[in-house]
């Protein structure tokens, strides 16, 4: 795109405005802000209290925390499979190539704290409807060798992402993708100067106050006149992804061929919505129920505050003033009959509390967050509770599959970056038995090859420990294992100073 002084907006800014209009038309911004407030417990904003107390009984957060914990309980790793006829490789060569790529990405997984990113992505999907990851090349990453820079993966709010075709969920077939950010003006000017942008155009990079289209109430809290909106514009030409960065009135980084064949973005939705790439957040469906429960409890509290205590009614023509001081005599002029009496506290219909409890219970049950799943049910039968927990997690299977597909998409994007940016002589750091090691890999030989990415899932849920302890208890009672064997196989951190206890028992058994 060529710069024109008379052009008030860049090309992508005009598309950005259309994207915001689409998001407004589906109520995305208000929905995201409401859900975020409800999760952190600020649940009376915009709700008329009419003089009632404003309590918060935040089952909304409890349910979402349960969902995130249940879905992130398993360890996830990437694995690759060579899937190309050219160059032709023997099975042994394929296994070696697959193994090296898996080691490289496993180290990057730990380096980029991807387990934490996946957990955060589940919060994003549950509260905003979508989780969106953007991978970019960071040339500032030091490697201790001439070949510097590496890729990074970060989460981006769904309110900051705009598809050229918002009615399609197919990322790689999008005509373009825009990602908006708010960055310090001084950083953007320095970046533009580094890219050789002339001073006249750099002067067009000025602060703005366009914060209303970013997620959460706190997005509007900034240091005054320090930031502005910047846009990353991605599109494809001849099968290659191109990149451009700009602000409202000028380009900062001009048309750049990234060398990538895939858009470096991946996303998934909590619940899919037909003919829209934006999904529906699970939190959205709980808002009205949460408001009802808070209001119902507020009315109960107001009733109890007004009527719970007895009141004294007295004849003011006989007694000038009533006192509640203990033991103090009250003088009256005339007979004491019918001078004063005590009104007992008002009673409340018990059905109100039943309705509140039913509303909470049915909401949790319909969402799969049952008492057994949340760990609040009495553990009379551990095996039965484990079975109930597994059954209650079934409604989350669709989200779990979407999460794993999200990881696969990221894995293919990482592979795209490695083949586009890594040099054959670059030493790749990987984990080894001694801690870490450096290896070389001929990336140029496989740039035109095809690979599949799969997700390997390890069962590391907390209920696995319960199952293990239950099984060990049974074996010990039947005499199938010794006390030492029992202790050796117990999960860590269950018994303090376990090692010393095992050594003591071993000495006793030897005698």
Protein backbone atom coordinates (compact mmCIF):
# COMPACT_ATOMS: atom_id res chain seq x y z
CA UNK A 1 0.00 0.00 0.00
CA UNK A 2 1.33 3.46 -0.87
CA UNK A 3 1.02 6.29 1.62
CA UNK A 4 -1.16 9.23 0.66
CA UNK A 5 -1.23 12.44 2.72
CA UNK A 6 -4.87 13.03 1.83
CA UNK A 7 -5.88 9.54 2.97
CA UNK A 8 -7.23 9.85 6.56
CA UNK A 9 -6.98 6.12 7.35
CA UNK A 10 -4.83 3.23 6.23
CA UNK A 11 -6.50 0.47 4.25
CA UNK A 12 -6.51 -1.93 7.19
CA UNK A 13 -7.95 0.70 9.51
CA UNK A 14 -11.04 0.92 7.36
CA UNK A 15 -11.36 -2.89 7.55
CA UNK A 16 -10.79 -2.67 11.30
CA UNK A 17 -13.77 -0.31 11.61
CA UNK A 18 -15.94 -2.82 9.72
CA UNK A 19 -14.76 -5.57 12.07
CA UNK A 20 -15.71 -3.53 15.13
CA UNK A 21 -19.14 -2.90 13.62
CA UNK A 22 -19.65 -6.66 13.23
CA UNK A 23 -18.62 -7.26 16.85
CA UNK A 24 -21.01 -4.54 18.03
CA UNK A 25 -23.84 -6.09 16.00
CA UNK A 26 -23.51 -9.39 17.91
CA UNK A 27 -23.09 -7.65 21.28
CA UNK A 28 -19.60 -9.02 21.81
CA UNK A 29 -18.07 -6.12 23.73
CA UNK A 30 -20.86 -5.82 26.31
CA UNK A 31 -21.03 -9.58 26.78
CA UNK A 32 -17.28 -9.92 27.37
CA UNK A 33 -17.19 -7.03 29.85
CA UNK A 34 -20.18 -8.40 31.77
CA UNK A 35 -18.74 -11.91 31.99
CA UNK A 36 -15.37 -10.63 33.13
CA UNK A 37 -16.99 -8.53 35.88
CA UNK A 38 -19.12 -11.45 37.07
CA UNK A 39 -16.11 -13.76 37.25
CA UNK A 40 -14.16 -11.39 39.49
CA UNK A 41 -17.24 -10.83 41.69
CA UNK A 42 -18.33 -7.34 40.61
CA UNK A 43 -21.92 -8.47 39.98
CA UNK A 44 -24.10 -5.47 40.84
CA UNK A 45 -22.88 -3.08 38.12
CA UNK A 46 -25.93 -2.04 36.10
CA UNK A 47 -28.28 -4.06 38.34
CA UNK A 48 -30.88 -1.97 40.23
CA UNK A 49 -30.56 -2.82 43.93
CA UNK A 50 -33.61 -0.67 44.95
CA UNK A 51 -32.26 -0.21 48.46
CA UNK A 52 -31.46 -3.89 48.97
CA UNK A 53 -28.11 -5.11 50.32
CA UNK A 54 -25.69 -6.10 47.54
CA UNK A 55 -24.31 -9.54 48.50
CA UNK A 56 -22.44 -11.73 46.02
CA UNK A 57 -22.71 -15.52 46.18
CA UNK A 58 -20.29 -16.23 43.36
CA UNK A 59 -21.13 -19.74 42.12
CA UNK A 60 -20.39 -18.27 38.65
CA UNK A 61 -16.66 -18.28 39.40
CA UNK A 62 -16.81 -21.66 41.12
CA UNK A 63 -18.27 -23.34 38.06
CA UNK A 64 -15.77 -21.78 35.65
CA UNK A 65 -12.83 -22.65 37.93
CA UNK A 66 -14.06 -26.23 37.99
CA UNK A 67 -14.30 -26.36 34.20
CA UNK A 68 -10.80 -24.98 33.74
CA UNK A 69 -9.32 -27.35 36.32
CA UNK A 70 -11.06 -30.38 34.83
CA UNK A 71 -9.95 -29.56 31.28
CA UNK A 72 -6.36 -28.69 32.16
CA UNK A 73 -5.79 -31.67 34.46
CA UNK A 74 -3.99 -33.70 31.78
CA UNK A 75 -0.48 -33.08 30.50
CA UNK A 76 -0.37 -32.31 26.77
CA UNK A 77 2.55 -32.77 24.37
CA UNK A 78 3.00 -32.46 20.60
CA UNK A 79 4.23 -35.24 18.33
CA UNK A 80 4.99 -35.16 14.61
CA UNK A 81 4.63 -37.72 11.84
CA UNK A 82 6.42 -37.47 8.49
CA UNK A 83 3.69 -37.53 5.82
CA UNK A 84 5.41 -36.68 2.53
CA UNK A 85 6.45 -38.86 -0.43
CA UNK A 86 9.31 -36.44 -1.22
CA UNK A 87 11.99 -36.78 -0.08
CA UNK A 88 11.39 -40.48 0.38
CA UNK A 89 12.57 -41.70 3.78
CA UNK A 90 12.94 -45.11 5.33
CA UNK A 91 10.89 -45.82 8.50
CA UNK A 92 14.08 -45.41 10.57
CA UNK A 93 14.78 -42.01 8.99
CA UNK A 94 11.19 -40.91 9.53
CA UNK A 95 11.36 -41.85 13.21
CA UNK A 96 14.60 -39.92 13.61
CA UNK A 97 13.19 -36.80 11.93
CA UNK A 98 9.95 -37.01 13.93
CA UNK A 99 11.90 -37.49 17.15
CA UNK A 100 14.17 -34.49 16.58
CA UNK A 101 11.25 -32.19 15.77
CA UNK A 102 9.40 -33.39 18.86
CA UNK A 103 12.43 -32.67 21.05
CA UNK A 104 12.80 -29.16 19.63
CA UNK A 105 9.14 -28.28 20.18
CA UNK A 106 9.13 -29.92 23.64
CA UNK A 107 11.87 -27.53 24.74
CA UNK A 108 10.05 -24.54 23.23
CA UNK A 109 6.88 -25.72 25.00
CA UNK A 110 8.62 -25.45 28.36
CA UNK A 111 10.39 -22.23 27.42
CA UNK A 112 7.13 -20.50 26.42
CA UNK A 113 5.23 -21.81 29.48
CA UNK A 114 2.60 -23.36 27.25
CA UNK A 115 0.87 -25.27 30.05
CA UNK A 116 0.05 -21.94 31.65
CA UNK A 117 -1.01 -20.53 28.29
CA UNK A 118 -3.46 -23.40 27.76
CA UNK A 119 -4.96 -22.82 31.21
CA UNK A 120 -5.34 -19.11 30.46
CA UNK A 121 -6.89 -19.96 27.10
CA UNK A 122 -9.59 -22.00 28.87
CA UNK A 123 -10.43 -18.99 31.04
CA UNK A 124 -10.64 -16.85 27.90
CA UNK A 125 -12.93 -19.33 26.15
CA UNK A 126 -15.19 -19.78 29.20
CA UNK A 127 -15.55 -16.04 29.83
CA UNK A 128 -15.34 -14.47 26.36
CA UNK A 129 -16.38 -17.37 24.11
CA UNK A 130 -13.09 -17.77 22.24
CA UNK A 131 -9.40 -18.39 22.93
CA UNK A 132 -7.00 -16.99 20.35
CA UNK A 133 -3.22 -17.56 20.09
CA UNK A 134 -0.86 -15.52 17.92
CA UNK A 135 2.65 -16.72 17.09
CA UNK A 136 5.25 -14.21 15.93
CA UNK A 137 8.99 -14.01 15.31
CA UNK A 138 10.93 -12.12 17.98
CA UNK A 139 14.35 -11.09 16.62
CA UNK A 140 15.51 -9.95 20.06
CA UNK A 141 15.71 -13.49 21.51
CA UNK A 142 19.31 -14.33 22.30
CA UNK A 143 20.62 -17.81 21.53
CA UNK A 144 24.35 -17.49 22.29
CA UNK A 145 25.18 -17.98 18.60
CA UNK A 146 25.11 -15.92 15.38
CA UNK A 147 21.58 -17.17 14.59
CA UNK A 148 19.43 -15.08 16.91
CA UNK A 149 15.67 -14.71 17.28
CA UNK A 150 12.94 -17.24 17.87
CA UNK A 151 9.16 -17.59 17.71
CA UNK A 152 6.84 -16.77 20.59
CA UNK A 153 3.18 -17.64 21.16
CA UNK A 154 0.88 -15.33 23.11
CA UNK A 155 -2.85 -15.10 23.78
CA UNK A 156 -4.92 -12.31 22.25
CA UNK A 157 -8.42 -11.30 23.32
CA UNK A 158 -11.16 -12.21 20.85
CA UNK A 159 -12.32 -8.58 20.85
CA UNK A 160 -8.97 -7.69 19.24
CA UNK A 161 -9.16 -10.15 16.33
CA UNK A 162 -11.01 -9.52 13.07
CA UNK A 163 -11.53 -12.06 10.29
CA UNK A 164 -12.04 -10.96 6.72
CA UNK A 165 -14.96 -13.41 6.60
CA UNK A 166 -16.46 -13.44 10.13
CA UNK A 167 -19.09 -16.00 9.08
CA UNK A 168 -16.43 -18.69 8.61
CA UNK A 169 -14.42 -20.53 11.28
CA UNK A 170 -11.81 -21.70 8.73
CA UNK A 171 -8.73 -19.71 9.73
CA UNK A 172 -6.47 -20.60 6.81
CA UNK A 173 -9.05 -19.67 4.17
CA UNK A 174 -9.60 -16.14 5.51
CA UNK A 175 -8.97 -13.32 2.99
CA UNK A 176 -7.20 -11.42 5.78
CA UNK A 177 -6.83 -11.31 9.56
CA UNK A 178 -6.39 -8.15 11.66
CA UNK A 179 -5.06 -8.08 15.22
CA UNK A 180 -5.43 -4.86 17.21
CA UNK A 181 -3.29 -3.80 20.16
CA UNK A 182 -2.69 -0.79 22.35
CA UNK A 183 0.99 0.11 22.48
CA UNK A 184 2.99 3.04 23.86
CA UNK A 185 3.38 5.78 21.25
CA UNK A 186 7.10 6.12 22.04
CA UNK A 187 7.67 2.42 21.21
CA UNK A 188 5.74 2.68 17.94
CA UNK A 189 7.69 5.80 16.90
CA UNK A 190 10.99 4.06 17.69
CA UNK A 191 9.89 1.03 15.65
CA UNK A 192 8.89 3.24 12.71
CA UNK A 193 12.22 5.10 12.83
CA UNK A 194 14.10 1.79 12.89
CA UNK A 195 12.16 0.73 9.78
CA UNK A 196 13.21 3.90 7.91
CA UNK A 197 9.84 5.69 8.01
CA UNK A 198 10.25 9.41 7.34
CA UNK A 199 9.69 11.96 10.12
CA UNK A 200 6.55 13.38 8.52
CA UNK A 201 4.83 10.01 8.74
CA UNK A 202 6.21 9.27 12.22
CA UNK A 203 4.59 12.51 13.40
CA UNK A 204 1.20 10.94 12.56
CA UNK A 205 1.68 8.40 15.34
CA UNK A 206 -0.18 10.14 18.15
CA UNK A 207 -1.99 9.02 21.35
CA UNK A 208 -5.69 8.21 21.25
CA UNK A 209 -8.37 7.15 23.72
CA UNK A 210 -9.95 4.29 21.75
CA UNK A 211 -10.10 1.88 24.70
CA UNK A 212 -13.79 0.94 24.67
CA UNK A 213 -13.27 -1.91 22.20
CA UNK A 214 -10.79 -3.83 24.34
CA UNK A 215 -11.70 -6.53 26.86
CA UNK A 216 -12.58 -5.72 30.45
CA UNK A 217 -13.25 -2.55 32.40
CA UNK A 218 -9.58 -2.18 33.28
CA UNK A 219 -8.66 -1.77 29.61
CA UNK A 220 -9.97 1.79 29.90
CA UNK A 221 -7.56 2.60 32.74
CA UNK A 222 -4.31 3.89 31.20
CA UNK A 223 -1.73 6.58 31.74
CA UNK A 224 -3.21 9.53 29.90
CA UNK A 225 -1.94 10.31 26.39
CA UNK A 226 0.60 7.49 26.23
CA UNK A 227 -0.90 4.82 23.96
CA UNK A 228 -2.66 4.33 20.66
CA UNK A 229 -4.19 1.49 18.66
CA UNK A 230 -1.84 -0.40 16.33
CA UNK A 231 -2.91 -3.01 13.81
CA UNK A 232 -1.22 -6.15 12.51
CA UNK A 233 -2.59 -6.97 9.07
CA UNK A 234 -2.07 -10.51 7.70
CA UNK A 235 -3.04 -11.74 4.23
CA UNK A 236 -1.89 -14.31 1.68
CA UNK A 237 -0.37 -13.88 -1.76
CA UNK A 238 0.62 -16.89 -3.88
CA UNK A 239 0.38 -19.15 -0.85
CA UNK A 240 2.66 -16.98 1.32
CA UNK A 241 1.59 -14.99 4.37
CA UNK A 242 2.30 -11.25 4.22
CA UNK A 243 2.51 -8.89 7.18
CA UNK A 244 2.01 -5.17 7.65
CA UNK A 245 1.81 -3.06 10.81
CA UNK A 246 0.18 0.35 11.01
CA UNK A 247 -1.69 2.89 13.11
CA UNK A 248 -4.66 5.03 12.18
CA UNK A 249 -2.88 7.31 9.73
CA UNK A 250 0.39 5.69 8.72
CA UNK A 251 2.23 2.43 8.09
CA UNK A 252 4.95 1.40 10.57
CA UNK A 253 6.16 -1.82 8.93
CA UNK A 254 5.42 -2.04 5.22
CA UNK A 255 4.47 -5.11 3.19
CA UNK A 256 6.66 -8.01 4.39
CA UNK A 257 6.73 -11.55 3.01
CA UNK A 258 7.00 -13.67 6.15
CA UNK A 259 7.91 -16.87 4.32
CA UNK A 260 5.11 -18.65 6.18
CA UNK A 261 2.49 -20.76 4.44
CA UNK A 262 0.04 -20.75 7.38
CA UNK A 263 -1.58 -17.82 9.15
CA UNK A 264 0.27 -17.79 12.52
CA UNK A 265 -2.98 -17.82 14.46
CA UNK A 266 -4.99 -20.57 16.13
CA UNK A 267 -8.23 -20.41 18.06
CA UNK A 268 -11.11 -22.42 19.48
CA UNK A 269 -14.54 -21.58 20.89
CA UNK A 270 -16.26 -22.87 24.00
CA UNK A 271 -19.56 -23.43 22.18
CA UNK A 272 -19.74 -22.97 18.42
CA UNK A 273 -22.27 -20.58 16.90
CA UNK A 274 -23.44 -21.29 13.38
CA UNK A 275 -22.22 -18.86 10.71
CA UNK A 276 -19.97 -16.96 13.08
CA UNK A 277 -16.35 -17.50 14.04
CA UNK A 278 -17.12 -16.13 17.51
CA UNK A 279 -18.37 -18.75 19.95
CA UNK A 280 -20.61 -18.45 22.99
CA UNK A 281 -19.10 -18.30 26.45
CA UNK A 282 -20.38 -20.68 29.11
CA UNK A 283 -20.39 -17.72 31.49
CA UNK A 284 -23.01 -15.90 29.41
CA UNK A 285 -25.68 -18.45 30.24
CA UNK A 286 -25.08 -18.12 33.98
CA UNK A 287 -25.41 -14.33 34.26
CA UNK A 288 -29.21 -14.16 34.71
CA UNK A 289 -29.17 -17.05 37.19
CA UNK A 290 -26.42 -15.36 39.19
CA UNK A 291 -28.35 -12.08 39.25
CA UNK A 292 -31.49 -13.86 40.49
CA UNK A 293 -29.61 -15.66 43.26
CA UNK A 294 -27.88 -12.48 44.42
CA UNK A 295 -31.18 -10.56 44.42
CA UNK A 296 -33.06 -13.35 46.16
CA UNK A 297 -30.46 -13.56 48.91
CA UNK A 298 -30.52 -9.74 49.15
CA UNK A 299 -34.28 -9.79 49.73
CA UNK A 300 -33.91 -12.50 52.39
CA UNK A 301 -31.22 -10.46 54.11
CA UNK A 302 -33.34 -7.29 53.94
CA UNK A 303 -36.33 -9.12 55.38
CA UNK A 304 -34.28 -10.53 58.24
CA UNK A 305 -32.69 -7.16 58.99
CA UNK A 306 -36.13 -5.50 59.16
CA UNK A 307 -38.12 -8.16 61.01
CA UNK A 308 -35.79 -10.57 62.80
CA UNK A 309 -35.76 -8.73 66.13
CA UNK A 310 -38.75 -8.13 68.42
CA UNK A 311 -40.14 -4.60 68.82
CA UNK A 312 -41.78 -2.88 71.84
CA UNK A 313 -45.04 -1.01 71.35
CA UNK A 314 -46.03 1.36 74.23
CA UNK A 315 -48.73 3.92 75.05
CA UNK A 316 -47.04 7.34 74.71
CA UNK A 317 -49.88 9.00 76.63
CA UNK A 318 -48.86 7.00 79.66
CA UNK A 319 -45.07 6.66 79.15
CA UNK A 320 -43.06 9.59 77.79
CA UNK A 321 -40.05 7.54 76.69
CA UNK A 322 -39.14 3.86 76.56
CA UNK A 323 -35.78 2.55 77.69
CA UNK A 324 -34.14 -0.85 77.13
CA UNK A 325 -31.57 -0.50 79.88
CA UNK A 326 -31.30 -3.67 81.93
CA UNK A 327 -33.02 -3.52 85.33
CA UNK A 328 -34.21 0.07 84.97
CA UNK A 329 -37.71 0.81 86.34
CA UNK A 330 -40.27 2.58 84.15
CA UNK A 331 -42.77 4.90 85.84
CA UNK A 332 -46.35 5.18 84.55
CA UNK A 333 -49.29 7.39 85.50
CA UNK A 334 -52.20 5.08 86.12
CA UNK A 335 -52.85 1.34 85.72
CA UNK A 336 -50.13 -0.69 84.05
CA UNK A 337 -52.50 -2.91 82.06
CA UNK A 338 -52.08 -2.55 78.26
CA UNK A 339 -49.29 0.05 78.68
CA UNK A 340 -46.80 -1.78 76.45
CA UNK A 341 -46.30 -5.10 74.76
CA UNK A 342 -43.61 -6.89 72.72
CA UNK A 343 -44.12 -7.75 69.04
CA UNK A 344 -42.29 -10.92 68.04
CA UNK A 345 -40.06 -11.01 64.97
CA UNK A 346 -41.68 -11.65 61.61
CA UNK A 347 -41.42 -15.07 60.01
CA UNK A 348 -40.34 -15.74 56.43
CA UNK A 349 -41.75 -18.29 54.02
CA UNK A 350 -39.27 -21.19 53.95
CA UNK A 351 -40.12 -21.73 50.29
CA UNK A 352 -37.97 -18.73 49.37
CA UNK A 353 -34.79 -20.44 50.58
CA UNK A 354 -35.88 -23.64 48.84
CA UNK A 355 -36.21 -21.78 45.54
CA UNK A 356 -32.74 -20.25 45.97
CA UNK A 357 -31.14 -23.62 46.72
CA UNK A 358 -32.99 -25.23 43.82
CA UNK A 359 -31.81 -22.47 41.46
CA UNK A 360 -28.19 -23.00 42.50
CA UNK A 361 -28.47 -26.78 42.41
CA UNK A 362 -30.21 -27.01 39.04
CA UNK A 363 -27.82 -24.50 37.47
CA UNK A 364 -24.79 -26.51 38.59
CA UNK A 365 -26.37 -29.82 37.59
CA UNK A 366 -27.30 -28.64 34.11
CA UNK A 367 -23.76 -27.35 33.64
CA UNK A 368 -22.21 -30.60 34.84
CA UNK A 369 -20.69 -28.97 37.95
CA UNK A 370 -22.30 -31.39 40.39
CA UNK A 371 -21.38 -31.71 44.08
CA UNK A 372 -19.28 -34.80 43.35
CA UNK A 373 -17.45 -32.99 40.55
CA UNK A 374 -16.77 -29.96 42.77
CA UNK A 375 -15.57 -32.18 45.62
CA UNK A 376 -18.27 -31.11 48.10
CA UNK A 377 -20.06 -34.48 48.31
CA UNK A 378 -19.36 -36.65 51.34
CA UNK A 379 -16.79 -39.29 50.39
CA UNK A 380 -18.56 -42.42 51.72
CA UNK A 381 -17.72 -44.38 48.58
CA UNK A 382 -14.59 -43.20 46.78
CA UNK A 383 -15.08 -45.43 43.77
CA UNK A 384 -18.65 -44.21 43.27
CA UNK A 385 -17.60 -40.57 43.54
CA UNK A 386 -14.83 -41.10 40.97
CA UNK A 387 -17.38 -42.66 38.63
CA UNK A 388 -19.73 -39.69 39.15
CA UNK A 389 -16.91 -37.24 38.52
CA UNK A 390 -16.01 -38.96 35.27
CA UNK A 391 -19.67 -38.98 34.20
CA UNK A 392 -20.08 -35.27 35.04
CA UNK A 393 -17.06 -34.42 32.88
CA UNK A 394 -18.67 -35.88 29.76
CA UNK A 395 -20.34 -32.57 28.74
CA UNK A 396 -16.83 -31.08 28.54
CA UNK A 397 -15.63 -33.55 25.91
CA UNK A 398 -16.44 -31.21 23.02
CA UNK A 399 -14.43 -28.41 24.62
CA UNK A 400 -11.59 -30.84 25.34
CA UNK A 401 -11.46 -31.93 21.70
CA UNK A 402 -11.42 -28.29 20.60
CA UNK A 403 -8.56 -27.62 23.01
CA UNK A 404 -6.51 -30.50 21.59
CA UNK A 405 -7.18 -29.33 18.04
CA UNK A 406 -5.98 -25.89 19.15
CA UNK A 407 -2.69 -27.45 20.29
CA UNK A 408 -2.33 -29.32 16.99
CA UNK A 409 -2.84 -26.09 15.06
CA UNK A 410 -0.16 -24.39 17.15
CA UNK A 411 2.17 -27.33 16.52
CA UNK A 412 1.83 -26.98 12.74
CA UNK A 413 2.37 -23.20 13.01
CA UNK A 414 5.56 -23.78 15.01
CA UNK A 415 6.78 -26.20 12.35
CA UNK A 416 6.04 -23.56 9.71
CA UNK A 417 8.16 -21.04 11.63
CA UNK A 418 11.05 -23.47 12.04
CA UNK A 419 11.22 -24.28 8.33
CA UNK A 420 10.84 -20.60 7.38
CA UNK A 421 13.28 -19.04 9.87
CA UNK A 422 15.70 -21.65 11.21
CA UNK A 423 19.09 -22.08 9.51
CA UNK A 424 20.68 -25.50 8.98
CA UNK A 425 23.72 -24.50 11.06
CA UNK A 426 21.67 -23.17 13.94
CA UNK A 427 22.17 -25.22 17.10
CA UNK A 428 18.85 -26.28 18.58
CA UNK A 429 18.57 -26.68 22.33
CA UNK A 430 16.74 -29.80 23.53
CA UNK A 431 16.25 -31.67 26.78
CA UNK A 432 18.57 -34.60 27.49
CA UNK A 433 19.39 -36.93 30.35
CA UNK A 434 22.16 -34.57 31.47
CA UNK A 435 19.81 -31.57 31.47
CA UNK A 436 20.04 -30.03 28.01
CA UNK A 437 21.98 -30.49 24.79
CA UNK A 438 22.43 -28.81 21.40
CA UNK A 439 21.75 -30.49 18.07
CA UNK A 440 21.70 -29.55 14.39
CA UNK A 441 18.91 -30.33 11.94
CA UNK A 442 18.90 -29.90 8.12
CA UNK A 443 15.73 -27.80 7.90
CA UNK A 444 16.34 -26.88 4.24
CA UNK A 445 15.99 -30.54 3.20
CA UNK A 446 12.43 -30.76 4.52
CA UNK A 447 10.96 -27.33 3.75
CA UNK A 448 8.77 -28.76 1.01
CA UNK A 449 7.87 -31.92 2.97
CA UNK A 450 4.57 -32.57 4.70
CA UNK A 451 4.14 -33.33 8.40
CA UNK A 452 1.19 -34.19 10.60
CA UNK A 453 0.92 -32.99 14.18
CA UNK A 454 -0.86 -34.94 16.90
CA UNK A 455 -1.51 -34.32 20.59
CA UNK A 456 -0.45 -36.86 23.20
CA UNK A 457 -2.38 -36.64 26.45
CA UNK A 458 -1.20 -37.95 29.80
CA UNK A 459 -3.67 -38.71 32.61
CA UNK A 460 -2.49 -36.52 35.49
CA UNK A 461 -5.81 -35.60 37.09
CA UNK A 462 -6.00 -35.38 40.88
CA UNK A 463 -8.56 -38.19 40.91
CA UNK A 464 -5.79 -40.50 39.60
CA UNK A 465 -4.10 -40.11 43.01
CA UNK A 466 -7.36 -41.03 44.77
CA UNK A 467 -7.66 -44.13 42.59
CA UNK A 468 -4.04 -45.07 43.26
CA UNK A 469 -4.39 -44.73 47.04
CA UNK A 470 -7.67 -46.67 47.00
CA UNK A 471 -6.06 -49.52 45.07
CA UNK A 472 -2.99 -49.59 47.32
CA UNK A 473 -5.22 -49.67 50.42
CA UNK A 474 -7.01 -52.73 49.06
CA UNK A 475 -3.77 -54.55 48.21
CA UNK A 476 -2.33 -53.84 51.66
CA UNK A 477 -5.49 -55.09 53.42
CA UNK A 478 -5.38 -58.31 51.36
CA UNK A 479 -1.71 -58.81 52.25
CA UNK A 480 -0.63 -58.70 48.63
CA UNK A 481 2.01 -56.03 49.29
CA UNK A 482 4.14 -55.06 52.28
CA UNK A 483 4.01 -51.77 54.16
CA UNK A 484 7.27 -50.71 52.47
CA UNK A 485 5.90 -51.48 49.00
CA UNK A 486 2.77 -49.55 49.92
CA UNK A 487 4.71 -46.45 50.97
CA UNK A 488 7.02 -46.57 47.96
CA UNK A 489 4.06 -46.38 45.60
CA UNK A 490 2.10 -43.68 47.39
CA UNK A 491 1.87 -40.38 45.47
CA UNK A 492 4.26 -37.70 46.65
CA UNK A 493 3.38 -35.20 49.39
CA UNK A 494 0.73 -37.45 50.99
CA UNK A 495 2.91 -38.55 53.92
CA UNK A 496 5.59 -36.23 55.36
CA UNK A 497 9.13 -37.61 55.67
CA UNK A 498 8.09 -40.66 53.68
CA UNK A 499 11.67 -41.61 52.79
CA UNK A 500 12.70 -41.85 56.45
CA UNK A 501 9.64 -43.97 57.23
CA UNK A 502 10.44 -46.37 54.38
CA UNK A 503 14.03 -46.75 55.60
CA UNK A 504 12.84 -47.45 59.14
CA UNK A 505 10.32 -50.06 57.95
CA UNK A 506 12.92 -51.71 55.71
CA UNK A 507 15.25 -52.15 58.67
CA UNK A 508 12.43 -53.65 60.73
CA UNK A 509 11.45 -56.08 57.95
CA UNK A 510 15.07 -57.22 57.55
CA UNK A 511 15.19 -58.19 61.23
